[in-house]
Amino acid sequence: MEWRKEIKIKNMTKYLYLLLIPFFLGCQQRTKFVKNTPLLPKKEVIVPQKDSLPTIDSLAKYYSYSSENINPKNFEEVVYEIIQCYNKKDTTALNKLIHPDIGLYFLYKPGGDVYWANQKRIYLDTLYQEKEKTFIDGYNRKVLATGKIGVGKVPIEKITENIAPDEYSSLTGIFFVAHPEAQKKLSYYITSSLSTLPFSPKEKQEAQRTLKKAKEIEKTTRCIMTAWKEVSSFSNSTYTNHFIFYVTKIKEKWYLTMIDFSWIA
């Protein structure tokens, strides 16, 4: 009887193997299917990069750096070009934006009084005083030679208040100061000097001619104030620095007509 039980067990084992064969074959097919199925491409995660371009110098790749390519009739293009040329110390390109008859005016304050000077060209180096006669002091000549405007190509904001440059100001960017006091600053100081400074008759006549010219160009002049955060070399603290210049529309074209250093203490 033992032999019959042994045969029965063997037959049951055989049937069990037969039942399991399709299961094993299915597993192998599913394994092959998974192995041969191409993997889906990984979705690229784009991390937004923080703008780390603090000055207009490093924005050159975003727009053309050539005075030949800008439209002198476009106010914004001329403003950006002036900032860029100043930062590059490109006097050749910058002088193309100065009207040959009007020249470039400077407002500056060597002591307590505000003075003005006019040059036909701009020289962005420390030899400025030797190249053309001017009373611009050494500090402002150094600013012209080494200073940079620390703003990028941001939108030009229009403000209607006559905001004075302030190192504690939170305003940063490029601003068109649409206020009569800012627009007529040159004629104001010339008028003031005529009544307070001891001009000779010849100097007085020259100042009166300059005043007449200033009042004429101020009709189409815009004051541009740039402001940016900078670290002080003395205290390592952060303050707001400024650079102020004026552009004037003359025969449908915009020109650089004045740089204002008078706000510097």
C-alpha atoms as a PDB file:
ATOM      1  CA  MET A   1       0.000   0.000   0.000  1.00  0.00           C
ATOM      2  CA  GLU A   2       2.924   2.283   0.614  1.00  0.00           C
ATOM      3  CA  TRP A   3       3.843   2.243  -3.026  1.00  0.00           C
ATOM      4  CA  ARG A   4       0.349   3.410  -3.987  1.00  0.00           C
ATOM      5  CA  LYS A   5       0.601   6.411  -1.621  1.00  0.00           C
ATOM      6  CA  GLU A   6       3.999   7.282  -3.091  1.00  0.00           C
ATOM      7  CA  ILE A   7       2.620   7.197  -6.658  1.00  0.00           C
ATOM      8  CA  LYS A   8      -0.328   9.356  -5.570  1.00  0.00           C
ATOM      9  CA  ILE A   9       1.952  11.948  -3.999  1.00  0.00           C
ATOM     10  CA  LYS A  10       4.154  12.043  -7.122  1.00  0.00           C
ATOM     11  CA  ASN A  11       1.087  12.513  -9.340  1.00  0.00           C
ATOM     12  CA  MET A  12      -0.148  15.392  -7.127  1.00  0.00           C
ATOM     13  CA  THR A  13       3.259  17.062  -7.268  1.00  0.00           C
ATOM     14  CA  LYS A  14       3.255  16.752 -11.067  1.00  0.00           C
ATOM     15  CA  TYR A  15      -0.204  18.349 -11.298  1.00  0.00           C
ATOM     16  CA  LEU A  16       0.945  21.153  -8.993  1.00  0.00           C
ATOM     17  CA  TYR A  17       3.940  21.886 -11.248  1.00  0.00           C
ATOM     18  CA  LEU A  18       1.666  21.937 -14.290  1.00  0.00           C
ATOM     19  CA  LEU A  19      -0.591  24.484 -12.587  1.00  0.00           C
ATOM     20  CA  LEU A  20       2.354  26.720 -11.633  1.00  0.00           C
ATOM     21  CA  ILE A  21       4.008  26.746 -15.106  1.00  0.00           C
ATOM     22  CA  PRO A  22       1.672  29.452 -16.588  1.00  0.00           C
ATOM     23  CA  PHE A  23       2.247  31.588 -13.507  1.00  0.00           C
ATOM     24  CA  PHE A  24       6.041  31.475 -13.889  1.00  0.00           C
ATOM     25  CA  LEU A  25       5.804  32.140 -17.646  1.00  0.00           C
ATOM     26  CA  GLY A  26       3.596  35.181 -17.013  1.00  0.00           C
ATOM     27  CA  CYS A  27       6.068  36.548 -14.512  1.00  0.00           C
ATOM     28  CA  GLN A  28       8.904  36.174 -17.009  1.00  0.00           C
ATOM     29  CA  GLN A  29       6.877  37.959 -19.713  1.00  0.00           C
ATOM     30  CA  ARG A  30       5.962  40.781 -17.347  1.00  0.00           C
ATOM     31  CA  THR A  31       9.606  41.085 -16.331  1.00  0.00           C
ATOM     32  CA  LYS A  32      10.691  41.279 -19.961  1.00  0.00           C
ATOM     33  CA  PHE A  33       7.968  43.836 -20.670  1.00  0.00           C
ATOM     34  CA  VAL A  34       9.143  46.074 -17.813  1.00  0.00           C
ATOM     35  CA  LYS A  35      12.778  45.786 -18.833  1.00  0.00           C
ATOM     36  CA  ASN A  36      12.052  46.593 -22.477  1.00  0.00           C
ATOM     37  CA  THR A  37       9.716  49.501 -21.756  1.00  0.00           C
ATOM     38  CA  PRO A  38      11.610  52.777 -22.269  1.00  0.00           C
ATOM     39  CA  LEU A  39      11.853  54.996 -19.186  1.00  0.00           C
ATOM     40  CA  LEU A  40       9.894  58.257 -19.312  1.00  0.00           C
ATOM     41  CA  PRO A  41      12.181  61.258 -19.553  1.00  0.00           C
ATOM     42  CA  LYS A  42      12.716  63.018 -16.250  1.00  0.00           C
ATOM     43  CA  LYS A  43      10.844  66.282 -15.998  1.00  0.00           C
ATOM     44  CA  GLU A  44      13.332  69.127 -15.796  1.00  0.00           C
ATOM     45  CA  VAL A  45      12.847  71.264 -12.733  1.00  0.00           C
ATOM     46  CA  ILE A  46      13.594  74.890 -13.559  1.00  0.00           C
ATOM     47  CA  VAL A  47      14.723  76.873 -10.542  1.00  0.00           C
ATOM     48  CA  PRO A  48      14.226  80.602 -11.062  1.00  0.00           C
ATOM     49  CA  GLN A  49      17.543  82.389 -10.851  1.00  0.00           C
ATOM     50  CA  LYS A  50      17.754  85.546  -8.768  1.00  0.00           C
ATOM     51  CA  ASP A  51      18.889  88.553 -10.751  1.00  0.00           C
ATOM     52  CA  SER A  52      22.501  89.077  -9.758  1.00  0.00           C
ATOM     53  CA  LEU A  53      23.240  91.890 -12.192  1.00  0.00           C
ATOM     54  CA  PRO A  54      23.746  94.932  -9.976  1.00  0.00           C
ATOM     55  CA  THR A  55      25.035  97.361 -12.597  1.00  0.00           C
ATOM     56  CA  ILE A  56      24.177  98.117 -16.156  1.00  0.00           C
ATOM     57  CA  ASP A  57      27.672  96.953 -17.209  1.00  0.00           C
ATOM     58  CA  SER A  58      26.731  93.316 -16.749  1.00  0.00           C
ATOM     59  CA  LEU A  59      23.523  93.730 -18.756  1.00  0.00           C
ATOM     60  CA  ALA A  60      25.382  94.235 -22.028  1.00  0.00           C
ATOM     61  CA  LYS A  61      24.331  90.798 -23.321  1.00  0.00           C
ATOM     62  CA  TYR A  62      20.663  91.811 -23.130  1.00  0.00           C
ATOM     63  CA  TYR A  63      20.850  94.750 -25.489  1.00  0.00           C
ATOM     64  CA  SER A  64      23.172  96.341 -27.990  1.00  0.00           C
ATOM     65  CA  TYR A  65      26.116  98.391 -26.789  1.00  0.00           C
ATOM     66  CA  SER A  66      26.620 100.788 -29.650  1.00  0.00           C
ATOM     67  CA  SER A  67      25.611 104.421 -30.043  1.00  0.00           C
ATOM     68  CA  GLU A  68      25.148 103.763 -33.748  1.00  0.00           C
ATOM     69  CA  ASN A  69      22.282 101.368 -33.000  1.00  0.00           C
ATOM     70  CA  ILE A  70      20.247 103.500 -30.629  1.00  0.00           C
ATOM     71  CA  ASN A  71      17.458 105.774 -31.742  1.00  0.00           C
ATOM     72  CA  PRO A  72      18.340 109.328 -30.556  1.00  0.00           C
ATOM     73  CA  LYS A  73      14.651 110.201 -30.834  1.00  0.00           C
ATOM     74  CA  ASN A  74      13.798 107.572 -28.216  1.00  0.00           C
ATOM     75  CA  PHE A  75      13.990 109.008 -24.704  1.00  0.00           C
ATOM     76  CA  GLU A  76      14.456 105.676 -22.897  1.00  0.00           C
ATOM     77  CA  GLU A  77      17.150 104.424 -25.264  1.00  0.00           C
ATOM     78  CA  VAL A  78      19.203 107.590 -24.811  1.00  0.00           C
ATOM     79  CA  VAL A  79      18.932 107.430 -21.006  1.00  0.00           C
ATOM     80  CA  TYR A  80      20.105 103.802 -20.948  1.00  0.00           C
ATOM     81  CA  GLU A  81      22.913 104.582 -23.371  1.00  0.00           C
ATOM     82  CA  ILE A  82      24.176 107.479 -21.238  1.00  0.00           C
ATOM     83  CA  ILE A  83      24.292 105.238 -18.156  1.00  0.00           C
ATOM     84  CA  GLN A  84      26.029 102.475 -20.060  1.00  0.00           C
ATOM     85  CA  CYS A  85      28.617 104.743 -21.709  1.00  0.00           C
ATOM     86  CA  TYR A  86      29.357 106.413 -18.384  1.00  0.00           C
ATOM     87  CA  ASN A  87      29.921 103.054 -16.689  1.00  0.00           C
ATOM     88  CA  LYS A  88      32.136 101.891 -19.550  1.00  0.00           C
ATOM     89  CA  LYS A  89      33.972 105.238 -19.505  1.00  0.00           C
ATOM     90  CA  ASP A  90      33.389 105.356 -23.241  1.00  0.00           C
ATOM     91  CA  THR A  91      33.956 109.050 -23.929  1.00  0.00           C
ATOM     92  CA  THR A  92      33.760 108.593 -27.703  1.00  0.00           C
ATOM     93  CA  ALA A  93      30.209 107.240 -27.544  1.00  0.00           C
ATOM     94  CA  LEU A  94      29.169 109.616 -24.768  1.00  0.00           C
ATOM     95  CA  ASN A  95      30.388 112.712 -26.626  1.00  0.00           C
ATOM     96  CA  LYS A  96      28.142 111.749 -29.542  1.00  0.00           C
ATOM     97  CA  LEU A  97      25.225 112.312 -27.173  1.00  0.00           C
ATOM     98  CA  ILE A  98      26.350 115.869 -26.347  1.00  0.00           C
ATOM     99  CA  HIS A  99      25.009 118.622 -28.621  1.00  0.00           C
ATOM    100  CA  PRO A 100      27.930 120.468 -30.293  1.00  0.00           C
ATOM    101  CA  ASP A 101      26.362 123.904 -29.747  1.00  0.00           C
ATOM    102  CA  ILE A 102      24.871 123.395 -26.270  1.00  0.00           C
ATOM    103  CA  GLY A 103      27.743 121.411 -24.765  1.00  0.00           C
ATOM    104  CA  LEU A 104      27.569 119.838 -21.321  1.00  0.00           C
ATOM    105  CA  TYR A 105      26.838 121.779 -18.132  1.00  0.00           C
ATOM    106  CA  PHE A 106      27.990 120.838 -14.648  1.00  0.00           C
ATOM    107  CA  LEU A 107      26.504 121.934 -11.360  1.00  0.00           C
ATOM    108  CA  TYR A 108      28.900 121.541  -8.435  1.00  0.00           C
ATOM    109  CA  LYS A 109      29.452 122.853  -4.932  1.00  0.00           C
ATOM    110  CA  PRO A 110      33.141 123.153  -4.003  1.00  0.00           C
ATOM    111  CA  GLY A 111      32.375 125.089  -0.828  1.00  0.00           C
ATOM    112  CA  GLY A 112      28.942 126.256   0.148  1.00  0.00           C
ATOM    113  CA  ASP A 113      27.814 128.013  -3.027  1.00  0.00           C
ATOM    114  CA  VAL A 114      26.679 126.200  -6.162  1.00  0.00           C
ATOM    115  CA  TYR A 115      28.592 126.949  -9.366  1.00  0.00           C
ATOM    116  CA  TRP A 116      28.213 125.884 -12.960  1.00  0.00           C
ATOM    117  CA  ALA A 117      30.584 125.154 -15.806  1.00  0.00           C
ATOM    118  CA  ASN A 118      30.104 124.340 -19.465  1.00  0.00           C
ATOM    119  CA  GLN A 119      32.251 122.057 -21.610  1.00  0.00           C
ATOM    120  CA  LYS A 120      31.932 121.115 -25.262  1.00  0.00           C
ATOM    121  CA  ARG A 121      33.089 117.587 -24.461  1.00  0.00           C
ATOM    122  CA  ILE A 122      33.342 115.280 -21.483  1.00  0.00           C
ATOM    123  CA  TYR A 123      36.561 113.686 -20.275  1.00  0.00           C
ATOM    124  CA  LEU A 124      36.111 110.765 -17.905  1.00  0.00           C
ATOM    125  CA  ASP A 125      39.551 110.858 -16.331  1.00  0.00           C
ATOM    126  CA  THR A 126      41.439 112.626 -13.563  1.00  0.00           C
ATOM    127  CA  LEU A 127      43.134 115.026 -16.015  1.00  0.00           C
ATOM    128  CA  TYR A 128      39.812 116.740 -16.654  1.00  0.00           C
ATOM    129  CA  GLN A 129      40.897 120.101 -15.292  1.00  0.00           C
ATOM    130  CA  GLU A 130      44.092 120.190 -17.340  1.00  0.00           C
ATOM    131  CA  LYS A 131      42.378 119.368 -20.642  1.00  0.00           C
ATOM    132  CA  GLU A 132      39.855 122.191 -20.510  1.00  0.00           C
ATOM    133  CA  LYS A 133      39.600 125.133 -18.151  1.00  0.00           C
ATOM    134  CA  THR A 134      37.059 124.414 -15.441  1.00  0.00           C
ATOM    135  CA  PHE A 135      36.672 124.918 -11.736  1.00  0.00           C
ATOM    136  CA  ILE A 136      35.313 121.429 -11.137  1.00  0.00           C
ATOM    137  CA  ASP A 137      37.031 120.240  -7.985  1.00  0.00           C
ATOM    138  CA  GLY A 138      39.231 117.186  -7.670  1.00  0.00           C
ATOM    139  CA  TYR A 139      36.605 115.110  -5.869  1.00  0.00           C
ATOM    140  CA  ASN A 140      34.085 115.394  -8.695  1.00  0.00           C
ATOM    141  CA  ARG A 141      36.798 114.767 -11.293  1.00  0.00           C
ATOM    142  CA  LYS A 142      37.558 111.539  -9.451  1.00  0.00           C
ATOM    143  CA  VAL A 143      33.864 110.623  -9.514  1.00  0.00           C
ATOM    144  CA  LEU A 144      33.844 111.104 -13.282  1.00  0.00           C
ATOM    145  CA  ALA A 145      36.951 108.952 -13.636  1.00  0.00           C
ATOM    146  CA  THR A 146      36.068 106.068 -11.329  1.00  0.00           C
ATOM    147  CA  GLY A 147      32.371 106.293 -10.436  1.00  0.00           C
ATOM    148  CA  LYS A 148      29.757 103.925 -11.785  1.00  0.00           C
ATOM    149  CA  ILE A 149      25.982 104.101 -11.792  1.00  0.00           C
ATOM    150  CA  GLY A 150      24.849 101.002  -9.929  1.00  0.00           C
ATOM    151  CA  VAL A 151      21.478 100.377 -11.556  1.00  0.00           C
ATOM    152  CA  GLY A 152      20.486  97.858 -14.173  1.00  0.00           C
ATOM    153  CA  LYS A 153      18.240  98.379 -17.182  1.00  0.00           C
ATOM    154  CA  VAL A 154      15.115  98.870 -15.108  1.00  0.00           C
ATOM    155  CA  PRO A 155      11.975 100.744 -16.185  1.00  0.00           C
ATOM    156  CA  ILE A 156      12.235 104.534 -15.895  1.00  0.00           C
ATOM    157  CA  GLU A 157       9.725 105.662 -13.279  1.00  0.00           C
ATOM    158  CA  LYS A 158       8.104 109.081 -13.420  1.00  0.00           C
ATOM    159  CA  ILE A 159       7.819 110.963 -10.132  1.00  0.00           C
ATOM    160  CA  THR A 160       6.166 114.348  -9.784  1.00  0.00           C
ATOM    161  CA  GLU A 161       7.749 115.369  -6.475  1.00  0.00           C
ATOM    162  CA  ASN A 162      11.065 117.179  -6.383  1.00  0.00           C
ATOM    163  CA  ILE A 163      12.829 114.461  -4.377  1.00  0.00           C
ATOM    164  CA  ALA A 164      16.270 115.454  -3.166  1.00  0.00           C
ATOM    165  CA  PRO A 165      18.993 112.784  -3.133  1.00  0.00           C
ATOM    166  CA  ASP A 166      19.222 111.265   0.327  1.00  0.00           C
ATOM    167  CA  GLU A 167      21.628 108.567   1.490  1.00  0.00           C
ATOM    168  CA  TYR A 168      18.888 107.183   3.772  1.00  0.00           C
ATOM    169  CA  SER A 169      16.305 106.980   0.985  1.00  0.00           C
ATOM    170  CA  SER A 170      14.743 103.614   0.196  1.00  0.00           C
ATOM    171  CA  LEU A 171      14.105 104.581  -3.441  1.00  0.00           C
ATOM    172  CA  THR A 172      16.326 102.772  -5.914  1.00  0.00           C
ATOM    173  CA  GLY A 173      16.147 102.728  -9.707  1.00  0.00           C
ATOM    174  CA  ILE A 174      15.960 105.261 -12.535  1.00  0.00           C
ATOM    175  CA  PHE A 175      13.576 108.169 -12.090  1.00  0.00           C
ATOM    176  CA  PHE A 176      12.343 110.951 -14.352  1.00  0.00           C
ATOM    177  CA  VAL A 177      11.767 113.823 -11.908  1.00  0.00           C
ATOM    178  CA  ALA A 178       8.888 115.712 -13.521  1.00  0.00           C
ATOM    179  CA  HIS A 179       8.996 118.817 -11.323  1.00  0.00           C
ATOM    180  CA  PRO A 180       9.686 122.454 -12.346  1.00  0.00           C
ATOM    181  CA  GLU A 181      12.286 122.966  -9.595  1.00  0.00           C
ATOM    182  CA  ALA A 182      14.299 120.007 -10.845  1.00  0.00           C
ATOM    183  CA  GLN A 183      13.830 120.908 -14.502  1.00  0.00           C
ATOM    184  CA  LYS A 184      14.926 124.551 -14.039  1.00  0.00           C
ATOM    185  CA  LYS A 185      17.783 123.996 -11.627  1.00  0.00           C
ATOM    186  CA  LEU A 186      20.477 125.462 -13.887  1.00  0.00           C
ATOM    187  CA  SER A 187      18.653 128.768 -14.481  1.00  0.00           C
ATOM    188  CA  TYR A 188      17.819 128.985 -10.781  1.00  0.00           C
ATOM    189  CA  TYR A 189      21.469 128.846  -9.727  1.00  0.00           C
ATOM    190  CA  ILE A 190      22.586 131.232 -12.478  1.00  0.00           C
ATOM    191  CA  THR A 191      19.916 133.733 -11.406  1.00  0.00           C
ATOM    192  CA  SER A 192      20.908 133.309  -7.780  1.00  0.00           C
ATOM    193  CA  SER A 193      24.601 133.837  -8.531  1.00  0.00           C
ATOM    194  CA  LEU A 194      23.894 137.014 -10.514  1.00  0.00           C
ATOM    195  CA  SER A 195      22.452 138.574  -7.387  1.00  0.00           C
ATOM    196  CA  THR A 196      25.003 137.288  -4.884  1.00  0.00           C
ATOM    197  CA  LEU A 197      28.397 136.850  -6.560  1.00  0.00           C
ATOM    198  CA  PRO A 198      30.725 139.787  -7.378  1.00  0.00           C
ATOM    199  CA  PHE A 199      30.856 139.366 -11.161  1.00  0.00           C
ATOM    200  CA  SER A 200      32.817 141.758 -13.319  1.00  0.00           C
ATOM    201  CA  PRO A 201      30.799 143.464 -16.092  1.00  0.00           C
ATOM    202  CA  LYS A 202      32.173 140.993 -18.650  1.00  0.00           C
ATOM    203  CA  GLU A 203      31.443 137.983 -16.414  1.00  0.00           C
ATOM    204  CA  LYS A 204      27.961 139.280 -15.738  1.00  0.00           C
ATOM    205  CA  GLN A 205      27.208 139.597 -19.462  1.00  0.00           C
ATOM    206  CA  GLU A 206      28.448 136.052 -20.021  1.00  0.00           C
ATOM    207  CA  ALA A 207      26.286 134.742 -17.155  1.00  0.00           C
ATOM    208  CA  GLN A 208      23.239 136.549 -18.563  1.00  0.00           C
ATOM    209  CA  ARG A 209      23.810 134.958 -21.993  1.00  0.00           C
ATOM    210  CA  THR A 210      24.124 131.556 -20.320  1.00  0.00           C
ATOM    211  CA  LEU A 211      20.923 132.208 -18.365  1.00  0.00           C
ATOM    212  CA  LYS A 212      19.036 133.004 -21.571  1.00  0.00           C
ATOM    213  CA  LYS A 213      20.309 129.802 -23.182  1.00  0.00           C
ATOM    214  CA  ALA A 214      19.501 127.764 -20.054  1.00  0.00           C
ATOM    215  CA  LYS A 215      15.900 129.006 -19.934  1.00  0.00           C
ATOM    216  CA  GLU A 216      15.466 128.041 -23.571  1.00  0.00           C
ATOM    217  CA  ILE A 217      16.771 124.471 -23.298  1.00  0.00           C
ATOM    218  CA  GLU A 218      14.970 123.871 -19.989  1.00  0.00           C
ATOM    219  CA  LYS A 219      11.654 123.941 -21.847  1.00  0.00           C
ATOM    220  CA  THR A 220      12.398 120.466 -23.189  1.00  0.00           C
ATOM    221  CA  THR A 221      14.737 119.197 -20.472  1.00  0.00           C
ATOM    222  CA  ARG A 222      14.181 116.210 -18.208  1.00  0.00           C
ATOM    223  CA  CYS A 223      15.917 115.499 -14.923  1.00  0.00           C
ATOM    224  CA  ILE A 224      17.046 111.885 -14.494  1.00  0.00           C
ATOM    225  CA  MET A 225      17.896 110.668 -10.998  1.00  0.00           C
ATOM    226  CA  THR A 226      19.492 107.248 -10.542  1.00  0.00           C
ATOM    227  CA  ALA A 227      19.693 105.676  -7.086  1.00  0.00           C
ATOM    228  CA  TRP A 228      21.221 102.427  -5.853  1.00  0.00           C
ATOM    229  CA  LYS A 229      22.434 100.767  -2.665  1.00  0.00           C
ATOM    230  CA  GLU A 230      26.159 100.822  -2.006  1.00  0.00           C
ATOM    231  CA  VAL A 231      28.438  99.717   0.818  1.00  0.00           C
ATOM    232  CA  SER A 232      30.413 102.514   2.463  1.00  0.00           C
ATOM    233  CA  SER A 233      34.191 102.117   2.339  1.00  0.00           C
ATOM    234  CA  PHE A 234      34.451 103.863   5.712  1.00  0.00           C
ATOM    235  CA  SER A 235      31.882 102.192   7.965  1.00  0.00           C
ATOM    236  CA  ASN A 236      30.980  99.067   5.945  1.00  0.00           C
ATOM    237  CA  SER A 237      27.332 100.130   6.215  1.00  0.00           C
ATOM    238  CA  THR A 238      24.870 100.372   3.310  1.00  0.00           C
ATOM    239  CA  TYR A 239      23.654 103.720   1.998  1.00  0.00           C
ATOM    240  CA  THR A 240      21.839 105.038  -1.086  1.00  0.00           C
ATOM    241  CA  ASN A 241      24.085 106.585  -3.716  1.00  0.00           C
ATOM    242  CA  HIS A 242      22.920 108.790  -6.598  1.00  0.00           C
ATOM    243  CA  PHE A 243      23.919 110.109  -9.988  1.00  0.00           C
ATOM    244  CA  ILE A 244      21.851 112.902 -11.541  1.00  0.00           C
ATOM    245  CA  PHE A 245      21.950 114.016 -15.145  1.00  0.00           C
ATOM    246  CA  TYR A 246      19.748 115.950 -17.550  1.00  0.00           C
ATOM    247  CA  VAL A 247      18.647 115.172 -21.096  1.00  0.00           C
ATOM    248  CA  THR A 248      17.191 117.727 -23.486  1.00  0.00           C
ATOM    249  CA  LYS A 249      15.144 117.286 -26.630  1.00  0.00           C
ATOM    250  CA  ILE A 250      16.651 119.398 -29.431  1.00  0.00           C
ATOM    251  CA  LYS A 251      15.161 119.109 -32.933  1.00  0.00           C
ATOM    252  CA  GLU A 252      13.459 115.812 -32.090  1.00  0.00           C
ATOM    253  CA  LYS A 253      16.644 114.217 -30.682  1.00  0.00           C
ATOM    254  CA  TRP A 254      17.649 113.700 -27.054  1.00  0.00           C
ATOM    255  CA  TYR A 255      21.033 114.900 -25.785  1.00  0.00           C
ATOM    256  CA  LEU A 256      22.959 114.806 -22.510  1.00  0.00           C
ATOM    257  CA  THR A 257      23.041 118.441 -21.382  1.00  0.00           C
ATOM    258  CA  MET A 258      23.952 118.496 -17.680  1.00  0.00           C
ATOM    259  CA  ILE A 259      25.464 116.471 -14.809  1.00  0.00           C
ATOM    260  CA  ASP A 260      24.492 117.619 -11.327  1.00  0.00           C
ATOM    261  CA  PHE A 261      27.012 117.282  -8.486  1.00  0.00           C
ATOM    262  CA  SER A 262      25.465 120.133  -6.453  1.00  0.00           C
ATOM    263  CA  TRP A 263      23.656 117.751  -4.074  1.00  0.00           C
ATOM    264  CA  ILE A 264      26.966 116.287  -2.841  1.00  0.00           C
ATOM    265  CA  ALA A 265      27.880 117.721   0.554  1.00  0.00           C
END
